[in-house]
Amino acid sequence: MKIAGFDIGGANTDMAIIEFGSDGDMKDVRVDFRYLPMWLRREELADALLEMVGEDLDELEGVGVCMTAELVDAYPSKAAGVADIIDRVEGAFDVPVAYVSLSGMVDASEALTDPMNIAAANWVATSQIASAMSSDCIMVDVGSTTTDIIPIKDGFEASRGRNDLERLSTGELVYTGTLRTNVATIVDRVPLQDKWFRVASELFAVTADVHRVLGNIRESDYTCSTPDGAGKSVEECMLRIARVLCADLELISPSDVLEVAEYIYHQQILKIAEGLAEVSEREGLEEVVTTGLGMKILAKRAAEVLELECRTMDEFLTEEECVVAPAVGTALLMEDYLQGQG
């Protein structure tokens, strides 16, 4: 049995196709992703899904979907976003399709009846994998845009917040990510040459620029668009960071940029650690399981700051699969759903 799981985000859409054996074990996993900014190109969604599935289309027996793209500002409301995404997904596939909700997998009619139960429920899918590694832990998933911090107790997710608004108040959602975060939302000033400099609150540089110049990510990992439309070389990333100080590479040196980047990086780790500490102290959990593109460079470092025991999900999945963990978790949930349907 082959099942496709999709995580349809505002900027990236991720896919995992899992082939299951007769005993329900995973025999093979294929992952892929597309940079698809839904605020600009949502009409391309169905084609992108089919393109990623490719030759596996005829062998699919089900499609599972989780989403966060309903939040993009092209939609007047989350409900409208959920409805539009469901319409595009349903039009793409002839096999059974179900959607990750806060209460399990549901079909399109149920999803449309209660769209807020579907909105931004991707963390539910990822928590399934973390619970397989540890029955009592905190899952930290650092993606391109956001960080999910999910308590797992007795093998089940135990989040206090049930939607993004609530999770922003409980430490379970920290709106910072590996690639797309405007650095001016992380710092309002930076140290340089024994002085402090306030930063420009413009979209001059993103965290992908910081992690690229520090060697935390490869150019191929920089999958989002650049703020200035230029390239993704180290020098181009340095120039964008220099602009945050209203400068360029003639006014400040590459070593100056590295000093600034190191500080921004450290402050981003502390922002994640702040949310992680809140969840850890409240829930009495001291083991952390990390996943996502920022699994090692951000989530693990945040756990280390707090001196918490930490495991990375690449003990269970490949690194490529960890990057699209919600899609993998969605495929697993879809297989269970189909088995339950008889």
C-alpha atoms as a PDB file:
ATOM      1  CA  MET A   1       0.000   0.000   0.000  1.00  0.00           C
ATOM      2  CA  LYS A   2       1.342   3.434  -0.980  1.00  0.00           C
ATOM      3  CA  ILE A   3       0.126   6.502   0.871  1.00  0.00           C
ATOM      4  CA  ALA A   4       1.009  10.137   0.178  1.00  0.00           C
ATOM      5  CA  GLY A   5       1.186  12.633   3.005  1.00  0.00           C
ATOM      6  CA  PHE A   6       1.271  16.364   2.270  1.00  0.00           C
ATOM      7  CA  ASP A   7       2.077  19.292   4.532  1.00  0.00           C
ATOM      8  CA  ILE A   8       0.732  22.348   2.725  1.00  0.00           C
ATOM      9  CA  GLY A   9       2.400  25.389   4.251  1.00  0.00           C
ATOM     10  CA  GLY A  10       2.194  29.038   3.403  1.00  0.00           C
ATOM     11  CA  ALA A  11       5.589  29.003   1.681  1.00  0.00           C
ATOM     12  CA  ASN A  12       6.565  25.339   1.299  1.00  0.00           C
ATOM     13  CA  THR A  13       4.554  22.253   0.440  1.00  0.00           C
ATOM     14  CA  ASP A  14       6.176  19.011   1.578  1.00  0.00           C
ATOM     15  CA  MET A  15       5.410  15.437   0.547  1.00  0.00           C
ATOM     16  CA  ALA A  16       6.167  11.956   1.844  1.00  0.00           C
ATOM     17  CA  ILE A  17       5.084   8.829  -0.024  1.00  0.00           C
ATOM     18  CA  ILE A  18       5.307   5.763   2.174  1.00  0.00           C
ATOM     19  CA  GLU A  19       4.977   2.201   0.997  1.00  0.00           C
ATOM     20  CA  PHE A  20       3.544   0.042   3.765  1.00  0.00           C
ATOM     21  CA  GLY A  21       3.898  -3.706   4.086  1.00  0.00           C
ATOM     22  CA  SER A  22       1.005  -6.006   4.918  1.00  0.00           C
ATOM     23  CA  ASP A  23       1.971  -5.709   8.594  1.00  0.00           C
ATOM     24  CA  GLY A  24       1.739  -1.911   8.472  1.00  0.00           C
ATOM     25  CA  ASP A  25       5.493  -1.359   8.704  1.00  0.00           C
ATOM     26  CA  MET A  26       7.167   1.230   6.492  1.00  0.00           C
ATOM     27  CA  LYS A  27       8.978  -0.491   3.619  1.00  0.00           C
ATOM     28  CA  ASP A  28      10.044   2.571   1.657  1.00  0.00           C
ATOM     29  CA  VAL A  29       9.795   6.365   1.975  1.00  0.00           C
ATOM     30  CA  ARG A  30      10.198   8.981  -0.748  1.00  0.00           C
ATOM     31  CA  VAL A  31      10.134  12.671   0.129  1.00  0.00           C
ATOM     32  CA  ASP A  32       9.989  15.859  -1.901  1.00  0.00           C
ATOM     33  CA  PHE A  33       9.032  19.511  -1.478  1.00  0.00           C
ATOM     34  CA  ARG A  34       8.201  22.624  -3.454  1.00  0.00           C
ATOM     35  CA  TYR A  35       8.656  26.277  -2.597  1.00  0.00           C
ATOM     36  CA  LEU A  36       5.136  27.479  -3.320  1.00  0.00           C
ATOM     37  CA  PRO A  37       4.231  30.840  -1.754  1.00  0.00           C
ATOM     38  CA  MET A  38       0.480  30.417  -1.430  1.00  0.00           C
ATOM     39  CA  TRP A  39      -0.143  34.140  -1.105  1.00  0.00           C
ATOM     40  CA  LEU A  40       1.061  34.492  -4.687  1.00  0.00           C
ATOM     41  CA  ARG A  41       0.642  31.117  -6.416  1.00  0.00           C
ATOM     42  CA  ARG A  42      -2.120  29.140  -4.725  1.00  0.00           C
ATOM     43  CA  GLU A  43      -3.664  28.343  -8.115  1.00  0.00           C
ATOM     44  CA  GLU A  44      -0.598  26.156  -8.778  1.00  0.00           C
ATOM     45  CA  LEU A  45      -1.189  23.921  -5.761  1.00  0.00           C
ATOM     46  CA  ALA A  46      -2.922  20.988  -7.488  1.00  0.00           C
ATOM     47  CA  ASP A  47      -0.308  20.862 -10.242  1.00  0.00           C
ATOM     48  CA  ALA A  48       2.496  20.985  -7.672  1.00  0.00           C
ATOM     49  CA  LEU A  49       1.008  18.073  -5.717  1.00  0.00           C
ATOM     50  CA  LEU A  50       0.682  15.949  -8.848  1.00  0.00           C
ATOM     51  CA  GLU A  51       4.171  16.874 -10.001  1.00  0.00           C
ATOM     52  CA  MET A  52       5.652  15.699  -6.710  1.00  0.00           C
ATOM     53  CA  VAL A  53       3.703  12.435  -6.768  1.00  0.00           C
ATOM     54  CA  GLY A  54       4.845  11.766 -10.332  1.00  0.00           C
ATOM     55  CA  GLU A  55       4.854   8.140 -11.434  1.00  0.00           C
ATOM     56  CA  ASP A  56       3.543   6.954  -8.062  1.00  0.00           C
ATOM     57  CA  LEU A  57       0.103   8.431  -8.832  1.00  0.00           C
ATOM     58  CA  ASP A  58      -1.377   5.207 -10.218  1.00  0.00           C
ATOM     59  CA  GLU A  59      -0.204   3.233  -7.176  1.00  0.00           C
ATOM     60  CA  LEU A  60      -1.543   5.569  -4.492  1.00  0.00           C
ATOM     61  CA  GLU A  61      -4.301   4.180  -2.316  1.00  0.00           C
ATOM     62  CA  GLY A  62      -4.816   7.279  -0.210  1.00  0.00           C
ATOM     63  CA  VAL A  63      -3.738  10.864   0.365  1.00  0.00           C
ATOM     64  CA  GLY A  64      -3.431  12.559   3.749  1.00  0.00           C
ATOM     65  CA  VAL A  65      -3.133  16.318   4.132  1.00  0.00           C
ATOM     66  CA  CYS A  66      -2.186  18.713   6.906  1.00  0.00           C
ATOM     67  CA  MET A  67      -2.001  22.455   6.358  1.00  0.00           C
ATOM     68  CA  THR A  68      -0.892  25.820   7.660  1.00  0.00           C
ATOM     69  CA  ALA A  69      -1.357  27.759   4.411  1.00  0.00           C
ATOM     70  CA  GLU A  70      -4.853  28.864   5.430  1.00  0.00           C
ATOM     71  CA  LEU A  71      -3.167  31.721   7.345  1.00  0.00           C
ATOM     72  CA  VAL A  72      -1.691  33.480   4.287  1.00  0.00           C
ATOM     73  CA  ASP A  73      -3.032  36.940   3.663  1.00  0.00           C
ATOM     74  CA  ALA A  74      -4.505  35.996   0.286  1.00  0.00           C
ATOM     75  CA  TYR A  75      -7.440  34.561   2.249  1.00  0.00           C
ATOM     76  CA  PRO A  76      -9.952  36.785   4.085  1.00  0.00           C
ATOM     77  CA  SER A  77     -10.254  34.180   6.864  1.00  0.00           C
ATOM     78  CA  LYS A  78      -8.801  30.855   7.954  1.00  0.00           C
ATOM     79  CA  ALA A  79     -12.075  29.132   7.100  1.00  0.00           C
ATOM     80  CA  ALA A  80     -11.873  30.469   3.545  1.00  0.00           C
ATOM     81  CA  GLY A  81      -8.283  29.254   3.286  1.00  0.00           C
ATOM     82  CA  VAL A  82      -9.132  25.760   4.507  1.00  0.00           C
ATOM     83  CA  ALA A  83     -12.024  25.557   2.037  1.00  0.00           C
ATOM     84  CA  ASP A  84      -9.895  26.685  -0.900  1.00  0.00           C
ATOM     85  CA  ILE A  85      -7.071  24.261  -0.110  1.00  0.00           C
ATOM     86  CA  ILE A  86      -9.495  21.346   0.299  1.00  0.00           C
ATOM     87  CA  ASP A  87     -11.128  22.200  -3.025  1.00  0.00           C
ATOM     88  CA  ARG A  88      -7.782  22.177  -4.823  1.00  0.00           C
ATOM     89  CA  VAL A  89      -6.638  18.919  -3.181  1.00  0.00           C
ATOM     90  CA  GLU A  90      -9.915  17.115  -3.833  1.00  0.00           C
ATOM     91  CA  GLY A  91      -9.750  18.156  -7.482  1.00  0.00           C
ATOM     92  CA  ALA A  92      -6.281  16.645  -7.860  1.00  0.00           C
ATOM     93  CA  PHE A  93      -6.864  13.079  -6.606  1.00  0.00           C
ATOM     94  CA  ASP A  94      -9.362  10.284  -7.252  1.00  0.00           C
ATOM     95  CA  VAL A  95      -8.307   8.161  -4.258  1.00  0.00           C
ATOM     96  CA  PRO A  96      -9.565   8.622  -0.678  1.00  0.00           C
ATOM     97  CA  VAL A  97      -8.348  11.880   0.857  1.00  0.00           C
ATOM     98  CA  ALA A  98      -8.447  12.820   4.534  1.00  0.00           C
ATOM     99  CA  TYR A  99      -7.197  15.748   6.586  1.00  0.00           C
ATOM    100  CA  VAL A 100      -5.309  15.976   9.858  1.00  0.00           C
ATOM    101  CA  SER A 101      -7.465  17.563  12.539  1.00  0.00           C
ATOM    102  CA  LEU A 102      -7.131  18.116  16.265  1.00  0.00           C
ATOM    103  CA  SER A 103      -9.353  15.060  16.748  1.00  0.00           C
ATOM    104  CA  GLY A 104      -7.862  12.715  14.144  1.00  0.00           C
ATOM    105  CA  MET A 105      -8.212  12.261  10.398  1.00  0.00           C
ATOM    106  CA  VAL A 106     -11.447  13.530   8.823  1.00  0.00           C
ATOM    107  CA  ASP A 107     -12.806  13.595   5.294  1.00  0.00           C
ATOM    108  CA  ALA A 108     -13.536  16.760   3.311  1.00  0.00           C
ATOM    109  CA  SER A 109     -17.149  17.106   4.427  1.00  0.00           C
ATOM    110  CA  GLU A 110     -16.184  16.912   8.102  1.00  0.00           C
ATOM    111  CA  ALA A 111     -13.280  19.270   7.531  1.00  0.00           C
ATOM    112  CA  LEU A 112     -15.508  21.877   5.925  1.00  0.00           C
ATOM    113  CA  THR A 113     -18.018  21.572   8.770  1.00  0.00           C
ATOM    114  CA  ASP A 114     -15.356  22.590  11.308  1.00  0.00           C
ATOM    115  CA  PRO A 115     -12.456  24.231   9.434  1.00  0.00           C
ATOM    116  CA  MET A 116     -10.825  25.528  12.628  1.00  0.00           C
ATOM    117  CA  ASN A 117     -10.273  21.904  13.627  1.00  0.00           C
ATOM    118  CA  ILE A 118      -8.101  21.521  10.503  1.00  0.00           C
ATOM    119  CA  ALA A 119      -6.251  24.846  10.503  1.00  0.00           C
ATOM    120  CA  ALA A 120      -2.560  24.566  11.468  1.00  0.00           C
ATOM    121  CA  ALA A 121      -2.895  21.019  12.840  1.00  0.00           C
ATOM    122  CA  ASN A 122       0.368  19.852  11.251  1.00  0.00           C
ATOM    123  CA  TRP A 123       2.024  19.562  14.665  1.00  0.00           C
ATOM    124  CA  VAL A 124      -0.436  16.773  15.507  1.00  0.00           C
ATOM    125  CA  ALA A 125       1.034  14.691  12.676  1.00  0.00           C
ATOM    126  CA  THR A 126       4.627  15.313  13.748  1.00  0.00           C
ATOM    127  CA  SER A 127       3.877  14.419  17.355  1.00  0.00           C
ATOM    128  CA  GLN A 128       2.984  10.895  16.201  1.00  0.00           C
ATOM    129  CA  ILE A 129       6.621  10.300  15.242  1.00  0.00           C
ATOM    130  CA  ALA A 130       8.065  11.856  18.394  1.00  0.00           C
ATOM    131  CA  SER A 131       5.839   9.638  20.557  1.00  0.00           C
ATOM    132  CA  ALA A 132       7.318   6.580  18.833  1.00  0.00           C
ATOM    133  CA  MET A 133      10.760   7.667  20.078  1.00  0.00           C
ATOM    134  CA  SER A 134       9.770   8.600  23.613  1.00  0.00           C
ATOM    135  CA  SER A 135       6.456   8.325  25.444  1.00  0.00           C
ATOM    136  CA  ASP A 136       7.277  11.325  27.649  1.00  0.00           C
ATOM    137  CA  CYS A 137       9.153  14.148  25.958  1.00  0.00           C
ATOM    138  CA  ILE A 138       8.906  17.515  24.289  1.00  0.00           C
ATOM    139  CA  MET A 139       8.979  17.531  20.506  1.00  0.00           C
ATOM    140  CA  VAL A 140      10.647  20.602  19.007  1.00  0.00           C
ATOM    141  CA  ASP A 141      10.124  20.970  15.258  1.00  0.00           C
ATOM    142  CA  VAL A 142      11.996  23.930  13.744  1.00  0.00           C
ATOM    143  CA  GLY A 143      10.858  24.448  10.172  1.00  0.00           C
ATOM    144  CA  SER A 144      11.536  27.208   7.695  1.00  0.00           C
ATOM    145  CA  THR A 145       9.113  29.626   9.349  1.00  0.00           C
ATOM    146  CA  THR A 146       8.001  28.475  12.798  1.00  0.00           C
ATOM    147  CA  THR A 147       8.961  26.331  15.774  1.00  0.00           C
ATOM    148  CA  ASP A 148       6.481  23.877  17.316  1.00  0.00           C
ATOM    149  CA  ILE A 149       7.113  22.847  20.932  1.00  0.00           C
ATOM    150  CA  ILE A 150       4.782  19.962  21.762  1.00  0.00           C
ATOM    151  CA  PRO A 151       4.614  18.054  25.054  1.00  0.00           C
ATOM    152  CA  ILE A 152       4.171  14.285  24.720  1.00  0.00           C
ATOM    153  CA  LYS A 153       2.819  12.390  27.744  1.00  0.00           C
ATOM    154  CA  ASP A 154       2.150   8.653  27.941  1.00  0.00           C
ATOM    155  CA  GLY A 155       2.668   8.477  24.181  1.00  0.00           C
ATOM    156  CA  PHE A 156       0.106  11.167  23.270  1.00  0.00           C
ATOM    157  CA  GLU A 157       0.433  14.864  22.522  1.00  0.00           C
ATOM    158  CA  ALA A 158      -0.631  16.927  25.514  1.00  0.00           C
ATOM    159  CA  SER A 159      -0.614  20.498  24.225  1.00  0.00           C
ATOM    160  CA  ARG A 160      -2.411  23.155  26.230  1.00  0.00           C
ATOM    161  CA  GLY A 161      -3.038  25.275  23.146  1.00  0.00           C
ATOM    162  CA  ARG A 162      -5.415  23.832  20.548  1.00  0.00           C
ATOM    163  CA  ASN A 163      -4.927  26.459  17.835  1.00  0.00           C
ATOM    164  CA  ASP A 164      -2.152  28.843  16.826  1.00  0.00           C
ATOM    165  CA  LEU A 165      -3.590  31.756  18.806  1.00  0.00           C
ATOM    166  CA  GLU A 166      -3.658  29.699  22.012  1.00  0.00           C
ATOM    167  CA  ARG A 167      -0.282  28.090  21.311  1.00  0.00           C
ATOM    168  CA  LEU A 168       1.353  31.505  21.008  1.00  0.00           C
ATOM    169  CA  SER A 169       0.368  32.069  24.648  1.00  0.00           C
ATOM    170  CA  THR A 170       1.520  28.678  25.989  1.00  0.00           C
ATOM    171  CA  GLY A 171       5.091  28.523  24.675  1.00  0.00           C
ATOM    172  CA  GLU A 172       4.077  25.811  22.209  1.00  0.00           C
ATOM    173  CA  LEU A 173       4.444  27.987  19.106  1.00  0.00           C
ATOM    174  CA  VAL A 174       7.434  30.267  18.616  1.00  0.00           C
ATOM    175  CA  TYR A 175       7.224  32.219  15.388  1.00  0.00           C
ATOM    176  CA  THR A 176      10.839  31.876  14.340  1.00  0.00           C
ATOM    177  CA  GLY A 177      12.295  29.517  11.736  1.00  0.00           C
ATOM    178  CA  THR A 178      15.440  28.453   9.958  1.00  0.00           C
ATOM    179  CA  LEU A 179      14.890  30.319   6.694  1.00  0.00           C
ATOM    180  CA  ARG A 180      12.118  32.888   6.406  1.00  0.00           C
ATOM    181  CA  THR A 181      12.259  34.902   9.627  1.00  0.00           C
ATOM    182  CA  ASN A 182      13.046  38.598   9.247  1.00  0.00           C
ATOM    183  CA  VAL A 183      16.155  39.168  11.394  1.00  0.00           C
ATOM    184  CA  ALA A 184      14.662  42.469  12.609  1.00  0.00           C
ATOM    185  CA  THR A 185      12.070  40.406  14.517  1.00  0.00           C
ATOM    186  CA  ILE A 186      14.836  38.626  16.440  1.00  0.00           C
ATOM    187  CA  VAL A 187      16.987  41.606  17.449  1.00  0.00           C
ATOM    188  CA  ASP A 188      16.484  45.351  17.730  1.00  0.00           C
ATOM    189  CA  ARG A 189      20.187  46.038  18.163  1.00  0.00           C
ATOM    190  CA  VAL A 190      23.446  44.147  17.643  1.00  0.00           C
ATOM    191  CA  PRO A 191      27.008  44.420  19.014  1.00  0.00           C
ATOM    192  CA  LEU A 192      29.810  45.365  16.652  1.00  0.00           C
ATOM    193  CA  GLN A 193      33.335  46.613  17.337  1.00  0.00           C
ATOM    194  CA  ASP A 194      32.591  47.159  21.042  1.00  0.00           C
ATOM    195  CA  LYS A 195      29.519  49.264  20.313  1.00  0.00           C
ATOM    196  CA  TRP A 196      25.796  48.612  20.071  1.00  0.00           C
ATOM    197  CA  PHE A 197      23.937  49.440  16.863  1.00  0.00           C
ATOM    198  CA  ARG A 198      20.185  49.597  16.424  1.00  0.00           C
ATOM    199  CA  VAL A 199      18.912  47.743  13.370  1.00  0.00           C
ATOM    200  CA  ALA A 200      16.670  48.803  10.514  1.00  0.00           C
ATOM    201  CA  SER A 201      13.191  47.354  10.808  1.00  0.00           C
ATOM    202  CA  GLU A 202      13.050  46.491   7.123  1.00  0.00           C
ATOM    203  CA  LEU A 203      12.966  43.116   5.388  1.00  0.00           C
ATOM    204  CA  PHE A 204      16.635  43.345   4.438  1.00  0.00           C
ATOM    205  CA  ALA A 205      17.770  39.890   5.597  1.00  0.00           C
ATOM    206  CA  VAL A 206      16.223  36.639   6.777  1.00  0.00           C
ATOM    207  CA  THR A 207      17.502  33.838   8.973  1.00  0.00           C
ATOM    208  CA  ALA A 208      18.531  31.846   5.899  1.00  0.00           C
ATOM    209  CA  ASP A 209      21.145  34.557   5.302  1.00  0.00           C
ATOM    210  CA  VAL A 210      22.430  34.220   8.865  1.00  0.00           C
ATOM    211  CA  HIS A 211      22.640  30.432   8.772  1.00  0.00           C
ATOM    212  CA  ARG A 212      24.194  30.465   5.302  1.00  0.00           C
ATOM    213  CA  VAL A 213      27.096  32.751   6.264  1.00  0.00           C
ATOM    214  CA  LEU A 214      27.683  30.751   9.459  1.00  0.00           C
ATOM    215  CA  GLY A 215      27.788  27.482   7.527  1.00  0.00           C
ATOM    216  CA  ASN A 216      24.721  26.091   9.308  1.00  0.00           C
ATOM    217  CA  ILE A 217      22.911  25.420   6.021  1.00  0.00           C
ATOM    218  CA  ARG A 218      23.946  24.733   2.436  1.00  0.00           C
ATOM    219  CA  GLU A 219      22.935  26.878  -0.511  1.00  0.00           C
ATOM    220  CA  SER A 220      20.576  24.055  -1.561  1.00  0.00           C
ATOM    221  CA  ASP A 221      18.823  24.362   1.840  1.00  0.00           C
ATOM    222  CA  TYR A 222      18.045  28.026   1.145  1.00  0.00           C
ATOM    223  CA  THR A 223      14.771  27.169  -0.577  1.00  0.00           C
ATOM    224  CA  CYS A 224      12.812  30.363  -0.006  1.00  0.00           C
ATOM    225  CA  SER A 225      13.136  33.546  -2.044  1.00  0.00           C
ATOM    226  CA  THR A 226      15.730  36.133  -1.005  1.00  0.00           C
ATOM    227  CA  PRO A 227      14.556  39.520   0.343  1.00  0.00           C
ATOM    228  CA  ASP A 228      16.272  41.441  -2.465  1.00  0.00           C
ATOM    229  CA  GLY A 229      15.700  38.946  -5.269  1.00  0.00           C
ATOM    230  CA  ALA A 230      19.451  38.355  -5.575  1.00  0.00           C
ATOM    231  CA  GLY A 231      21.348  35.088  -5.213  1.00  0.00           C
ATOM    232  CA  LYS A 232      22.194  32.875  -2.240  1.00  0.00           C
ATOM    233  CA  SER A 233      25.986  32.893  -2.215  1.00  0.00           C
ATOM    234  CA  VAL A 234      27.752  33.656   1.053  1.00  0.00           C
ATOM    235  CA  GLU A 235      28.759  37.109  -0.198  1.00  0.00           C
ATOM    236  CA  GLU A 236      25.199  37.970  -1.243  1.00  0.00           C
ATOM    237  CA  CYS A 237      23.919  36.796   2.134  1.00  0.00           C
ATOM    238  CA  MET A 238      26.554  38.935   3.867  1.00  0.00           C
ATOM    239  CA  LEU A 239      25.449  41.979   1.907  1.00  0.00           C
ATOM    240  CA  ARG A 240      21.841  41.483   3.007  1.00  0.00           C
ATOM    241  CA  ILE A 241      22.927  41.231   6.658  1.00  0.00           C
ATOM    242  CA  ALA A 242      25.026  44.396   6.259  1.00  0.00           C
ATOM    243  CA  ARG A 243      21.913  46.244   5.066  1.00  0.00           C
ATOM    244  CA  VAL A 244      20.265  45.505   8.413  1.00  0.00           C
ATOM    245  CA  LEU A 245      22.812  48.001   9.782  1.00  0.00           C
ATOM    246  CA  CYS A 246      22.129  50.394   6.895  1.00  0.00           C
ATOM    247  CA  ALA A 247      25.541  49.431   5.571  1.00  0.00           C
ATOM    248  CA  ASP A 248      27.181  47.450   2.793  1.00  0.00           C
ATOM    249  CA  LEU A 249      30.383  45.428   2.403  1.00  0.00           C
ATOM    250  CA  GLU A 250      32.403  48.574   1.865  1.00  0.00           C
ATOM    251  CA  LEU A 251      31.323  50.104   5.173  1.00  0.00           C
ATOM    252  CA  ILE A 252      31.708  46.933   7.233  1.00  0.00           C
ATOM    253  CA  SER A 253      33.905  43.889   6.662  1.00  0.00           C
ATOM    254  CA  PRO A 254      32.990  40.208   6.267  1.00  0.00           C
ATOM    255  CA  SER A 255      34.360  39.582   9.784  1.00  0.00           C
ATOM    256  CA  ASP A 256      32.018  42.300  11.066  1.00  0.00           C
ATOM    257  CA  VAL A 257      29.088  40.554   9.364  1.00  0.00           C
ATOM    258  CA  LEU A 258      30.068  37.256  10.976  1.00  0.00           C
ATOM    259  CA  GLU A 259      30.111  38.922  14.397  1.00  0.00           C
ATOM    260  CA  VAL A 260      26.609  40.271  13.799  1.00  0.00           C
ATOM    261  CA  ALA A 261      25.380  36.936  12.428  1.00  0.00           C
ATOM    262  CA  GLU A 262      26.688  35.035  15.472  1.00  0.00           C
ATOM    263  CA  TYR A 263      24.789  37.356  17.766  1.00  0.00           C
ATOM    264  CA  ILE A 264      21.547  37.026  15.804  1.00  0.00           C
ATOM    265  CA  TYR A 265      21.963  33.241  15.809  1.00  0.00           C
ATOM    266  CA  HIS A 266      22.430  33.150  19.574  1.00  0.00           C
ATOM    267  CA  GLN A 267      19.376  35.340  20.141  1.00  0.00           C
ATOM    268  CA  GLN A 268      17.263  33.058  17.946  1.00  0.00           C
ATOM    269  CA  ILE A 269      18.359  30.054  20.012  1.00  0.00           C
ATOM    270  CA  LEU A 270      17.341  31.927  23.176  1.00  0.00           C
ATOM    271  CA  LYS A 271      13.881  32.693  21.765  1.00  0.00           C
ATOM    272  CA  ILE A 272      13.303  28.987  21.161  1.00  0.00           C
ATOM    273  CA  ALA A 273      14.771  28.126  24.560  1.00  0.00           C
ATOM    274  CA  GLU A 274      12.344  30.529  26.212  1.00  0.00           C
ATOM    275  CA  GLY A 275       9.331  28.660  24.808  1.00  0.00           C
ATOM    276  CA  LEU A 276      10.935  25.297  25.533  1.00  0.00           C
ATOM    277  CA  ALA A 277      11.618  26.279  29.152  1.00  0.00           C
ATOM    278  CA  GLU A 278       7.995  27.333  29.622  1.00  0.00           C
ATOM    279  CA  VAL A 279       6.696  23.992  28.375  1.00  0.00           C
ATOM    280  CA  SER A 280       9.320  21.952  30.231  1.00  0.00           C
ATOM    281  CA  GLU A 281       8.697  23.604  33.577  1.00  0.00           C
ATOM    282  CA  ARG A 282       4.908  23.501  33.255  1.00  0.00           C
ATOM    283  CA  GLU A 283       4.712  19.875  32.129  1.00  0.00           C
ATOM    284  CA  GLY A 284       7.612  18.465  34.156  1.00  0.00           C
ATOM    285  CA  LEU A 285       9.307  17.031  31.047  1.00  0.00           C
ATOM    286  CA  GLU A 286      13.082  16.989  30.636  1.00  0.00           C
ATOM    287  CA  GLU A 287      13.670  14.964  27.454  1.00  0.00           C
ATOM    288  CA  VAL A 288      13.553  16.698  24.072  1.00  0.00           C
ATOM    289  CA  VAL A 289      13.131  15.163  20.611  1.00  0.00           C
ATOM    290  CA  THR A 290      14.043  17.544  17.797  1.00  0.00           C
ATOM    291  CA  THR A 291      13.184  17.528  14.117  1.00  0.00           C
ATOM    292  CA  GLY A 292      12.869  19.830  11.107  1.00  0.00           C
ATOM    293  CA  LEU A 293      15.467  21.749   9.111  1.00  0.00           C
ATOM    294  CA  GLY A 294      16.629  23.426  12.322  1.00  0.00           C
ATOM    295  CA  MET A 295      16.724  20.137  14.247  1.00  0.00           C
ATOM    296  CA  LYS A 296      20.423  20.361  15.147  1.00  0.00           C
ATOM    297  CA  ILE A 297      21.371  23.977  14.587  1.00  0.00           C
ATOM    298  CA  LEU A 298      18.496  25.517  16.575  1.00  0.00           C
ATOM    299  CA  ALA A 299      16.317  23.019  18.462  1.00  0.00           C
ATOM    300  CA  LYS A 300      19.177  20.955  19.853  1.00  0.00           C
ATOM    301  CA  ARG A 301      21.128  24.095  20.793  1.00  0.00           C
ATOM    302  CA  ALA A 302      18.071  25.437  22.658  1.00  0.00           C
ATOM    303  CA  ALA A 303      17.821  22.171  24.611  1.00  0.00           C
ATOM    304  CA  GLU A 304      21.529  22.394  25.426  1.00  0.00           C
ATOM    305  CA  VAL A 305      21.123  25.940  26.764  1.00  0.00           C
ATOM    306  CA  LEU A 306      18.542  24.563  29.208  1.00  0.00           C
ATOM    307  CA  GLU A 307      20.650  21.460  29.950  1.00  0.00           C
ATOM    308  CA  LEU A 308      17.822  19.171  28.853  1.00  0.00           C
ATOM    309  CA  GLU A 309      18.420  15.677  27.512  1.00  0.00           C
ATOM    310  CA  CYS A 310      18.066  15.768  23.736  1.00  0.00           C
ATOM    311  CA  ARG A 311      17.629  13.257  20.926  1.00  0.00           C
ATOM    312  CA  THR A 312      17.279  14.097  17.240  1.00  0.00           C
ATOM    313  CA  MET A 313      14.659  12.455  15.087  1.00  0.00           C
ATOM    314  CA  ASP A 314      17.272  11.290  12.588  1.00  0.00           C
ATOM    315  CA  GLU A 315      17.701   8.338  14.955  1.00  0.00           C
ATOM    316  CA  PHE A 316      14.319   7.209  13.595  1.00  0.00           C
ATOM    317  CA  LEU A 317      14.096   8.873  10.165  1.00  0.00           C
ATOM    318  CA  THR A 318      16.669  10.067   7.649  1.00  0.00           C
ATOM    319  CA  GLU A 319      17.658  13.736   7.776  1.00  0.00           C
ATOM    320  CA  GLU A 320      15.696  14.352   4.564  1.00  0.00           C
ATOM    321  CA  GLU A 321      12.598  12.787   6.131  1.00  0.00           C
ATOM    322  CA  CYS A 322      13.039  14.860   9.291  1.00  0.00           C
ATOM    323  CA  VAL A 323      12.812  18.058   7.237  1.00  0.00           C
ATOM    324  CA  VAL A 324       9.327  17.011   6.070  1.00  0.00           C
ATOM    325  CA  ALA A 325       8.323  15.273   9.318  1.00  0.00           C
ATOM    326  CA  PRO A 326       4.706  16.567   9.309  1.00  0.00           C
ATOM    327  CA  ALA A 327       4.218  15.025   5.853  1.00  0.00           C
ATOM    328  CA  VAL A 328       5.649  11.709   7.090  1.00  0.00           C
ATOM    329  CA  GLY A 329       3.395  11.817  10.148  1.00  0.00           C
ATOM    330  CA  THR A 330       0.398  12.623   7.953  1.00  0.00           C
ATOM    331  CA  ALA A 331       1.046   9.583   5.756  1.00  0.00           C
ATOM    332  CA  LEU A 332       1.258   7.413   8.892  1.00  0.00           C
ATOM    333  CA  LEU A 333      -2.039   8.805  10.177  1.00  0.00           C
ATOM    334  CA  MET A 334      -3.646   8.265   6.763  1.00  0.00           C
ATOM    335  CA  GLU A 335      -2.606   4.601   6.739  1.00  0.00           C
ATOM    336  CA  ASP A 336      -4.223   4.136  10.166  1.00  0.00           C
ATOM    337  CA  TYR A 337      -7.333   5.954   8.935  1.00  0.00           C
ATOM    338  CA  LEU A 338      -7.700   3.691   5.898  1.00  0.00           C
ATOM    339  CA  GLN A 339      -7.187   0.602   8.021  1.00  0.00           C
ATOM    340  CA  GLY A 340      -9.907   1.847  10.354  1.00  0.00           C
ATOM    341  CA  GLN A 341     -12.254   2.361   7.415  1.00  0.00           C
ATOM    342  CA  GLY A 342     -12.004  -1.359   6.809  1.00  0.00           C
END
